C-alpha atoms as a PDB file:
ATOM      1  CA  MET A   1      19.176 -48.325 -34.334  1.00  0.00           C
ATOM      2  CA  LYS A   2      20.287 -50.858 -31.742  1.00  0.00           C
ATOM      3  CA  ALA A   3      23.033 -49.474 -29.561  1.00  0.00           C
ATOM      4  CA  LYS A   4      24.337 -49.775 -26.033  1.00  0.00           C
ATOM      5  CA  PHE A   5      26.409 -47.155 -24.352  1.00  0.00           C
ATOM      6  CA  VAL A   6      27.542 -45.970 -20.948  1.00  0.00           C
ATOM      7  CA  ASP A   7      27.831 -42.352 -20.005  1.00  0.00           C
ATOM      8  CA  TRP A   8      29.033 -41.426 -16.540  1.00  0.00           C
ATOM      9  CA  PHE A   9      31.046 -38.631 -14.997  1.00  0.00           C
ATOM     10  CA  THR A  10      32.953 -40.646 -12.429  1.00  0.00           C
ATOM     11  CA  ILE A  11      33.302 -44.277 -11.470  1.00  0.00           C
ATOM     12  CA  LYS A  12      32.922 -43.800  -7.682  1.00  0.00           C
ATOM     13  CA  ASP A  13      30.510 -41.676  -5.651  1.00  0.00           C
ATOM     14  CA  PHE A  14      31.540 -38.329  -4.241  1.00  0.00           C
ATOM     15  CA  GLY A  15      29.677 -38.904  -0.964  1.00  0.00           C
ATOM     16  CA  ALA A  16      32.634 -37.818   1.170  1.00  0.00           C
ATOM     17  CA  LEU A  17      33.024 -34.638  -0.906  1.00  0.00           C
ATOM     18  CA  TRP A  18      29.323 -33.871  -0.525  1.00  0.00           C
ATOM     19  CA  ASP A  19      29.484 -34.483   3.253  1.00  0.00           C
ATOM     20  CA  GLY A  20      32.609 -32.353   3.660  1.00  0.00           C
ATOM     21  CA  VAL A  21      33.550 -29.558   1.275  1.00  0.00           C
ATOM     22  CA  LEU A  22      30.133 -29.183  -0.331  1.00  0.00           C
ATOM     23  CA  GLY A  23      28.453 -29.062   3.088  1.00  0.00           C
ATOM     24  CA  GLN A  24      25.491 -31.249   2.048  1.00  0.00           C
ATOM     25  CA  ASP A  25      24.104 -28.353   0.035  1.00  0.00           C
ATOM     26  CA  THR A  26      20.975 -29.301  -1.934  1.00  0.00           C
ATOM     27  CA  LEU A  27      22.369 -27.671  -5.089  1.00  0.00           C
ATOM     28  CA  SER A  28      25.312 -30.069  -5.021  1.00  0.00           C
ATOM     29  CA  LEU A  29      23.235 -33.167  -4.171  1.00  0.00           C
ATOM     30  CA  THR A  30      23.839 -34.568  -7.671  1.00  0.00           C
ATOM     31  CA  TRP A  31      27.452 -35.250  -6.729  1.00  0.00           C
ATOM     32  CA  ARG A  32      26.561 -37.517  -3.810  1.00  0.00           C
ATOM     33  CA  ASP A  33      25.446 -40.626  -5.751  1.00  0.00           C
ATOM     34  CA  ILE A  34      26.919 -40.136  -9.209  1.00  0.00           C
ATOM     35  CA  GLY A  35      29.216 -43.170  -9.558  1.00  0.00           C
ATOM     36  CA  LEU A  36      28.908 -46.683 -10.893  1.00  0.00           C
ATOM     37  CA  PHE A  37      30.226 -47.729  -7.470  1.00  0.00           C
ATOM     38  CA  ASP A  38      29.056 -46.413  -4.115  1.00  0.00           C
ATOM     39  CA  GLY A  39      31.390 -44.736  -1.635  1.00  0.00           C
ATOM     40  CA  SER A  40      32.397 -48.138  -0.219  1.00  0.00           C
ATOM     41  CA  GLY A  41      33.357 -49.477  -3.638  1.00  0.00           C
ATOM     42  CA  VAL A  42      30.289 -51.724  -4.029  1.00  0.00           C
ATOM     43  CA  ALA A  43      28.948 -51.854  -7.592  1.00  0.00           C
ATOM     44  CA  ARG A  44      25.515 -50.322  -8.096  1.00  0.00           C
ATOM     45  CA  PRO A  45      22.820 -52.456  -9.816  1.00  0.00           C
ATOM     46  CA  VAL A  46      23.116 -50.392 -12.998  1.00  0.00           C
ATOM     47  CA  TYR A  47      26.732 -51.504 -13.330  1.00  0.00           C
ATOM     48  CA  MET A  48      25.595 -55.102 -13.674  1.00  0.00           C
ATOM     49  CA  CYS A  49      23.104 -54.441 -16.510  1.00  0.00           C
ATOM     50  CA  ASN A  50      23.754 -55.974 -19.915  1.00  0.00           C
END
């Protein structure tokens, strides 16, 4: 089977949320870099893949 798909939770990182409300807790570290775009809005390399 040849298929391409994208699966993501959010388009932009939750870095500010992790720094603030989540208090940089290691259990919530997943939320820091979860987006297709970083906290500044710059596309991550994976976003450019074909």
